[in-house]
Amino acid sequence: MKAHDFDAKFENDDEDILENLDLSAVKRPMQKQKRVNVDFPAWMLESLDREANRVGVTRQSIIKMWLAERLERRS
């Protein structure tokens, strides 16, 4: 597909351009996952679990969300 054809398809909201993209090697910069171990007191885990259940996410997700929010405020 030529670039101008792809651009026209992109501009047309009724057409899906994903079928024309090779997404097999897509990488998100700065999104590489690294595992860390953190020890929390039991009371903190209970609070995290309550909040995670209230929001409807996992414990890991609530921790990531809160850390991301805090780090974004500092930037």
PDB file of N, CA and C in Angstrom:
ATOM      1  N   MET A   1       0.849  -1.170   0.000  1.00  0.00           N
ATOM      2  CA  MET A   1       0.000   0.000   0.000  1.00  0.00           C
ATOM      3  C   MET A   1       0.899   1.238   0.000  1.00  0.00           C
ATOM      4  N   LYS A   2       0.556   2.168  -0.815  1.00  0.00           N
ATOM      5  CA  LYS A   2       1.311   3.416  -0.893  1.00  0.00           C
ATOM      6  C   LYS A   2       0.931   4.326   0.276  1.00  0.00           C
ATOM      7  N   ALA A   3       1.852   5.200   0.633  1.00  0.00           N
ATOM      8  CA  ALA A   3       1.656   6.078   1.787  1.00  0.00           C
ATOM      9  C   ALA A   3       0.403   6.930   1.653  1.00  0.00           C
ATOM     10  N   HIS A   4       0.163   7.474   0.471  1.00  0.00           N
ATOM     11  CA  HIS A   4      -1.018   8.343   0.330  1.00  0.00           C
ATOM     12  C   HIS A   4      -2.318   7.532   0.458  1.00  0.00           C
ATOM     13  N   ASP A   5      -2.304   6.260   0.057  1.00  0.00           N
ATOM     14  CA  ASP A   5      -3.477   5.404   0.246  1.00  0.00           C
ATOM     15  C   ASP A   5      -3.698   5.113   1.728  1.00  0.00           C
ATOM     16  N   PHE A   6      -2.597   4.838   2.431  1.00  0.00           N
ATOM     17  CA  PHE A   6      -2.685   4.587   3.870  1.00  0.00           C
ATOM     18  C   PHE A   6      -3.196   5.838   4.583  1.00  0.00           C
ATOM     19  N   ASP A   7      -2.669   7.012   4.229  1.00  0.00           N
ATOM     20  CA  ASP A   7      -3.109   8.267   4.839  1.00  0.00           C
ATOM     21  C   ASP A   7      -4.599   8.495   4.620  1.00  0.00           C
ATOM     22  N   ALA A   8      -5.060   8.223   3.408  1.00  0.00           N
ATOM     23  CA  ALA A   8      -6.483   8.409   3.107  1.00  0.00           C
ATOM     24  C   ALA A   8      -7.337   7.458   3.943  1.00  0.00           C
ATOM     25  N   LYS A   9      -6.870   6.218   4.076  1.00  0.00           N
ATOM     26  CA  LYS A   9      -7.599   5.249   4.884  1.00  0.00           C
ATOM     27  C   LYS A   9      -7.617   5.679   6.354  1.00  0.00           C
ATOM     28  N   PHE A  10      -6.497   6.209   6.825  1.00  0.00           N
ATOM     29  CA  PHE A  10      -6.408   6.699   8.202  1.00  0.00           C
ATOM     30  C   PHE A  10      -7.385   7.845   8.437  1.00  0.00           C
ATOM     31  N   GLU A  11      -7.477   8.737   7.497  1.00  0.00           N
ATOM     32  CA  GLU A  11      -8.358   9.904   7.629  1.00  0.00           C
ATOM     33  C   GLU A  11      -9.836   9.523   7.591  1.00  0.00           C
ATOM     34  N   ASN A  12     -10.158   8.396   6.962  1.00  0.00           N
ATOM     35  CA  ASN A  12     -11.536   7.932   6.880  1.00  0.00           C
ATOM     36  C   ASN A  12     -11.858   7.162   8.153  1.00  0.00           C
ATOM     37  N   ASP A  13     -12.686   7.728   9.012  1.00  0.00           N
ATOM     38  CA  ASP A  13     -13.006   7.119  10.306  1.00  0.00           C
ATOM     39  C   ASP A  13     -13.703   5.764  10.175  1.00  0.00           C
ATOM     40  N   ASP A  14     -14.280   5.477   9.029  1.00  0.00           N
ATOM     41  CA  ASP A  14     -15.022   4.227   8.853  1.00  0.00           C
ATOM     42  C   ASP A  14     -14.117   3.044   8.545  1.00  0.00           C
ATOM     43  N   GLU A  15     -12.852   3.296   8.255  1.00  0.00           N
ATOM     44  CA  GLU A  15     -11.957   2.215   7.866  1.00  0.00           C
ATOM     45  C   GLU A  15     -10.970   1.891   8.979  1.00  0.00           C
ATOM     46  N   ASP A  16     -10.671   0.600   9.112  1.00  0.00           N
ATOM     47  CA  ASP A  16      -9.735   0.109  10.122  1.00  0.00           C
ATOM     48  C   ASP A  16      -8.354  -0.033   9.488  1.00  0.00           C
ATOM     49  N   ILE A  17      -7.374   0.688  10.029  1.00  0.00           N
ATOM     50  CA  ILE A  17      -6.023   0.627   9.460  1.00  0.00           C
ATOM     51  C   ILE A  17      -5.169  -0.455  10.095  1.00  0.00           C
ATOM     52  N   LEU A  18      -5.631  -1.049  11.186  1.00  0.00           N
ATOM     53  CA  LEU A  18      -4.818  -2.040  11.885  1.00  0.00           C
ATOM     54  C   LEU A  18      -4.467  -3.238  11.016  1.00  0.00           C
ATOM     55  N   GLU A  19      -5.357  -3.608  10.117  1.00  0.00           N
ATOM     56  CA  GLU A  19      -5.070  -4.749   9.251  1.00  0.00           C
ATOM     57  C   GLU A  19      -3.884  -4.467   8.319  1.00  0.00           C
ATOM     58  N   ASN A  20      -3.514  -3.213   8.159  1.00  0.00           N
ATOM     59  CA  ASN A  20      -2.397  -2.839   7.299  1.00  0.00           C
ATOM     60  C   ASN A  20      -1.092  -2.632   8.064  1.00  0.00           C
ATOM     61  N   LEU A  21      -1.098  -2.887   9.361  1.00  0.00           N
ATOM     62  CA  LEU A  21       0.087  -2.683  10.179  1.00  0.00           C
ATOM     63  C   LEU A  21       0.630  -4.015  10.673  1.00  0.00           C
ATOM     64  N   ASP A  22       1.944  -4.119  10.747  1.00  0.00           N
ATOM     65  CA  ASP A  22       2.586  -5.288  11.337  1.00  0.00           C
ATOM     66  C   ASP A  22       2.900  -4.945  12.796  1.00  0.00           C
ATOM     67  N   LEU A  23       2.110  -5.461  13.714  1.00  0.00           N
ATOM     68  CA  LEU A  23       2.247  -5.138  15.129  1.00  0.00           C
ATOM     69  C   LEU A  23       3.062  -6.190  15.884  1.00  0.00           C
ATOM     70  N   SER A  24       3.640  -7.137  15.169  1.00  0.00           N
ATOM     71  CA  SER A  24       4.340  -8.244  15.825  1.00  0.00           C
ATOM     72  C   SER A  24       5.599  -7.805  16.566  1.00  0.00           C
ATOM     73  N   ALA A  25       6.215  -6.720  16.145  1.00  0.00           N
ATOM     74  CA  ALA A  25       7.461  -6.290  16.774  1.00  0.00           C
ATOM     75  C   ALA A  25       7.321  -4.951  17.502  1.00  0.00           C
ATOM     76  N   VAL A  26       6.106  -4.564  17.798  1.00  0.00           N
ATOM     77  CA  VAL A  26       5.873  -3.278  18.452  1.00  0.00           C
ATOM     78  C   VAL A  26       6.414  -3.322  19.876  1.00  0.00           C
ATOM     79  N   LYS A  27       7.109  -2.270  20.251  1.00  0.00           N
ATOM     80  CA  LYS A  27       7.629  -2.132  21.608  1.00  0.00           C
ATOM     81  C   LYS A  27       7.236  -0.772  22.151  1.00  0.00           C
ATOM     82  N   ARG A  28       6.909  -0.745  23.433  1.00  0.00           N
ATOM     83  CA  ARG A  28       6.552   0.508  24.078  1.00  0.00           C
ATOM     84  C   ARG A  28       7.778   1.005  24.830  1.00  0.00           C
ATOM     85  N   PRO A  29       8.291   2.175  24.463  1.00  0.00           N
ATOM     86  CA  PRO A  29       9.480   2.689  25.150  1.00  0.00           C
ATOM     87  C   PRO A  29       9.224   2.904  26.636  1.00  0.00           C
ATOM     88  N   MET A  30      10.222   2.603  27.421  1.00  0.00           N
ATOM     89  CA  MET A  30      10.183   2.787  28.871  1.00  0.00           C
ATOM     90  C   MET A  30       9.112   1.923  29.539  1.00  0.00           C
ATOM     91  N   GLN A  31       8.668   0.852  28.895  1.00  0.00           N
ATOM     92  CA  GLN A  31       7.642   0.001  29.466  1.00  0.00           C
ATOM     93  C   GLN A  31       8.142  -1.403  29.766  1.00  0.00           C
ATOM     94  N   LYS A  32       9.453  -1.623  29.669  1.00  0.00           N
ATOM     95  CA  LYS A  32       9.993  -2.936  29.978  1.00  0.00           C
ATOM     96  C   LYS A  32       9.713  -3.256  31.443  1.00  0.00           C
ATOM     97  N   GLN A  33       9.229  -4.454  31.679  1.00  0.00           N
ATOM     98  CA  GLN A  33       8.868  -4.861  33.028  1.00  0.00           C
ATOM     99  C   GLN A  33      10.083  -5.411  33.764  1.00  0.00           C
ATOM    100  N   LYS A  34      10.210  -5.049  35.018  1.00  0.00           N
ATOM    101  CA  LYS A  34      11.224  -5.601  35.908  1.00  0.00           C
ATOM    102  C   LYS A  34      10.528  -6.001  37.199  1.00  0.00           C
ATOM    103  N   ARG A  35      10.886  -7.148  37.704  1.00  0.00           N
ATOM    104  CA  ARG A  35      10.269  -7.643  38.934  1.00  0.00           C
ATOM    105  C   ARG A  35      11.039  -7.117  40.145  1.00  0.00           C
ATOM    106  N   VAL A  36      10.279  -6.675  41.148  1.00  0.00           N
ATOM    107  CA  VAL A  36      10.865  -6.253  42.420  1.00  0.00           C
ATOM    108  C   VAL A  36      10.089  -6.922  43.545  1.00  0.00           C
ATOM    109  N   ASN A  37      10.745  -7.130  44.646  1.00  0.00           N
ATOM    110  CA  ASN A  37      10.094  -7.672  45.836  1.00  0.00           C
ATOM    111  C   ASN A  37      10.079  -6.589  46.902  1.00  0.00           C
ATOM    112  N   VAL A  38       8.910  -6.363  47.467  1.00  0.00           N
ATOM    113  CA  VAL A  38       8.752  -5.363  48.514  1.00  0.00           C
ATOM    114  C   VAL A  38       8.002  -6.015  49.669  1.00  0.00           C
ATOM    115  N   ASP A  39       8.515  -5.841  50.858  1.00  0.00           N
ATOM    116  CA  ASP A  39       7.842  -6.366  52.042  1.00  0.00           C
ATOM    117  C   ASP A  39       6.952  -5.281  52.638  1.00  0.00           C
ATOM    118  N   PHE A  40       5.676  -5.634  52.874  1.00  0.00           N
ATOM    119  CA  PHE A  40       4.718  -4.719  53.470  1.00  0.00           C
ATOM    120  C   PHE A  40       4.223  -5.313  54.783  1.00  0.00           C
ATOM    121  N   PRO A  41       3.931  -4.470  55.758  1.00  0.00           N
ATOM    122  CA  PRO A  41       3.305  -4.989  56.973  1.00  0.00           C
ATOM    123  C   PRO A  41       1.886  -5.488  56.653  1.00  0.00           C
ATOM    124  N   ALA A  42       1.399  -6.412  57.447  1.00  0.00           N
ATOM    125  CA  ALA A  42       0.090  -7.030  57.206  1.00  0.00           C
ATOM    126  C   ALA A  42      -1.026  -5.992  57.135  1.00  0.00           C
ATOM    127  N   TRP A  43      -0.992  -4.985  58.024  1.00  0.00           N
ATOM    128  CA  TRP A  43      -2.056  -3.972  58.015  1.00  0.00           C
ATOM    129  C   TRP A  43      -2.101  -3.217  56.692  1.00  0.00           C
ATOM    130  N   MET A  44      -0.921  -3.004  56.090  1.00  0.00           N
ATOM    131  CA  MET A  44      -0.863  -2.280  54.829  1.00  0.00           C
ATOM    132  C   MET A  44      -1.434  -3.133  53.689  1.00  0.00           C
ATOM    133  N   LEU A  45      -1.118  -4.426  53.704  1.00  0.00           N
ATOM    134  CA  LEU A  45      -1.670  -5.325  52.683  1.00  0.00           C
ATOM    135  C   LEU A  45      -3.191  -5.393  52.784  1.00  0.00           C
ATOM    136  N   GLU A  46      -3.701  -5.432  53.996  1.00  0.00           N
ATOM    137  CA  GLU A  46      -5.155  -5.454  54.183  1.00  0.00           C
ATOM    138  C   GLU A  46      -5.791  -4.183  53.632  1.00  0.00           C
ATOM    139  N   SER A  47      -5.169  -3.046  53.880  1.00  0.00           N
ATOM    140  CA  SER A  47      -5.692  -1.775  53.361  1.00  0.00           C
ATOM    141  C   SER A  47      -5.598  -1.731  51.837  1.00  0.00           C
ATOM    142  N   LEU A  48      -4.477  -2.196  51.308  1.00  0.00           N
ATOM    143  CA  LEU A  48      -4.318  -2.245  49.855  1.00  0.00           C
ATOM    144  C   LEU A  48      -5.380  -3.138  49.221  1.00  0.00           C
ATOM    145  N   ASP A  49      -5.605  -4.292  49.825  1.00  0.00           N
ATOM    146  CA  ASP A  49      -6.607  -5.219  49.289  1.00  0.00           C
ATOM    147  C   ASP A  49      -8.012  -4.625  49.337  1.00  0.00           C
ATOM    148  N   ARG A  50      -8.340  -3.947  50.413  1.00  0.00           N
ATOM    149  CA  ARG A  50      -9.667  -3.306  50.513  1.00  0.00           C
ATOM    150  C   ARG A  50      -9.839  -2.260  49.419  1.00  0.00           C
ATOM    151  N   GLU A  51      -8.821  -1.430  49.236  1.00  0.00           N
ATOM    152  CA  GLU A  51      -8.912  -0.382  48.214  1.00  0.00           C
ATOM    153  C   GLU A  51      -8.942  -0.982  46.813  1.00  0.00           C
ATOM    154  N   ALA A  52      -8.131  -1.997  46.583  1.00  0.00           N
ATOM    155  CA  ALA A  52      -8.116  -2.654  45.267  1.00  0.00           C
ATOM    156  C   ALA A  52      -9.490  -3.259  44.969  1.00  0.00           C
ATOM    157  N   ASN A  53     -10.100  -3.905  45.950  1.00  0.00           N
ATOM    158  CA  ASN A  53     -11.440  -4.479  45.760  1.00  0.00           C
ATOM    159  C   ASN A  53     -12.479  -3.399  45.512  1.00  0.00           C
ATOM    160  N   ARG A  54     -12.351  -2.292  46.226  1.00  0.00           N
ATOM    161  CA  ARG A  54     -13.301  -1.187  46.045  1.00  0.00           C
ATOM    162  C   ARG A  54     -13.244  -0.647  44.630  1.00  0.00           C
ATOM    163  N   VAL A  55     -12.017  -0.509  44.102  1.00  0.00           N
ATOM    164  CA  VAL A  55     -11.827   0.044  42.757  1.00  0.00           C
ATOM    165  C   VAL A  55     -12.059  -1.025  41.688  1.00  0.00           C
ATOM    166  N   GLY A  56     -11.896  -2.293  42.059  1.00  0.00           N
ATOM    167  CA  GLY A  56     -12.108  -3.378  41.102  1.00  0.00           C
ATOM    168  C   GLY A  56     -10.864  -3.767  40.340  1.00  0.00           C
ATOM    169  N   VAL A  57      -9.713  -3.645  40.993  1.00  0.00           N
ATOM    170  CA  VAL A  57      -8.446  -4.022  40.365  1.00  0.00           C
ATOM    171  C   VAL A  57      -7.679  -4.941  41.314  1.00  0.00           C
ATOM    172  N   THR A  58      -6.546  -5.439  40.858  1.00  0.00           N
ATOM    173  CA  THR A  58      -5.714  -6.287  41.707  1.00  0.00           C
ATOM    174  C   THR A  58      -4.861  -5.438  42.641  1.00  0.00           C
ATOM    175  N   ARG A  59      -4.306  -6.102  43.639  1.00  0.00           N
ATOM    176  CA  ARG A  59      -3.389  -5.429  44.563  1.00  0.00           C
ATOM    177  C   ARG A  59      -2.220  -4.821  43.792  1.00  0.00           C
ATOM    178  N   GLN A  60      -1.654  -5.583  42.885  1.00  0.00           N
ATOM    179  CA  GLN A  60      -0.519  -5.098  42.097  1.00  0.00           C
ATOM    180  C   GLN A  60      -0.899  -3.859  41.295  1.00  0.00           C
ATOM    181  N   SER A  61      -2.094  -3.871  40.734  1.00  0.00           N
ATOM    182  CA  SER A  61      -2.538  -2.720  39.932  1.00  0.00           C
ATOM    183  C   SER A  61      -2.699  -1.468  40.767  1.00  0.00           C
ATOM    184  N   ILE A  62      -3.265  -1.600  41.961  1.00  0.00           N
ATOM    185  CA  ILE A  62      -3.458  -0.406  42.799  1.00  0.00           C
ATOM    186  C   ILE A  62      -2.116   0.166  43.220  1.00  0.00           C
ATOM    187  N   ILE A  63      -1.150  -0.705  43.513  1.00  0.00           N
ATOM    188  CA  ILE A  63       0.184  -0.230  43.873  1.00  0.00           C
ATOM    189  C   ILE A  63       0.808   0.506  42.695  1.00  0.00           C
ATOM    190  N   LYS A  64       0.716  -0.063  41.507  1.00  0.00           N
ATOM    191  CA  LYS A  64       1.274   0.589  40.315  1.00  0.00           C
ATOM    192  C   LYS A  64       0.597   1.925  40.039  1.00  0.00           C
ATOM    193  N   MET A  65      -0.737   1.955  40.168  1.00  0.00           N
ATOM    194  CA  MET A  65      -1.476   3.194  39.912  1.00  0.00           C
ATOM    195  C   MET A  65      -1.032   4.294  40.865  1.00  0.00           C
ATOM    196  N   TRP A  66      -0.946   3.961  42.161  1.00  0.00           N
ATOM    197  CA  TRP A  66      -0.580   4.961  43.157  1.00  0.00           C
ATOM    198  C   TRP A  66       0.855   5.428  42.968  1.00  0.00           C
ATOM    199  N   LEU A  67       1.753   4.509  42.681  1.00  0.00           N
ATOM    200  CA  LEU A  67       3.148   4.907  42.442  1.00  0.00           C
ATOM    201  C   LEU A  67       3.258   5.809  41.214  1.00  0.00           C
ATOM    202  N   ALA A  68       2.559   5.452  40.147  1.00  0.00           N
ATOM    203  CA  ALA A  68       2.594   6.260  38.927  1.00  0.00           C
ATOM    204  C   ALA A  68       2.055   7.661  39.188  1.00  0.00           C
ATOM    205  N   GLU A  69       0.933   7.752  39.923  1.00  0.00           N
ATOM    206  CA  GLU A  69       0.364   9.065  40.247  1.00  0.00           C
ATOM    207  C   GLU A  69       1.359   9.912  41.026  1.00  0.00           C
ATOM    208  N   ARG A  70       1.991   9.313  42.008  1.00  0.00           N
ATOM    209  CA  ARG A  70       2.949  10.051  42.841  1.00  0.00           C
ATOM    210  C   ARG A  70       4.155  10.503  42.030  1.00  0.00           C
ATOM    211  N   LEU A  71       4.667   9.616  41.185  1.00  0.00           N
ATOM    212  CA  LEU A  71       5.848   9.968  40.379  1.00  0.00           C
ATOM    213  C   LEU A  71       5.511  11.036  39.341  1.00  0.00           C
ATOM    214  N   GLU A  72       4.310  11.003  38.793  1.00  0.00           N
ATOM    215  CA  GLU A  72       3.906  12.020  37.812  1.00  0.00           C
ATOM    216  C   GLU A  72       3.778  13.387  38.472  1.00  0.00           C
ATOM    217  N   ARG A  73       3.315  13.428  39.714  1.00  0.00           N
ATOM    218  CA  ARG A  73       3.202  14.711  40.433  1.00  0.00           C
ATOM    219  C   ARG A  73       4.566  15.336  40.689  1.00  0.00           C
ATOM    220  N   ARG A  74       5.553  14.493  40.885  1.00  0.00           N
ATOM    221  CA  ARG A  74       6.903  14.988  41.179  1.00  0.00           C
ATOM    222  C   ARG A  74       7.630  15.483  39.938  1.00  0.00           C
ATOM    223  N   SER A  75       7.182  15.077  38.774  1.00  0.00           N
ATOM    224  CA  SER A  75       7.865  15.456  37.521  1.00  0.00           C
ATOM    225  C   SER A  75       7.537  16.853  37.086  1.00  0.00           C
TER     226      SER A  75
END
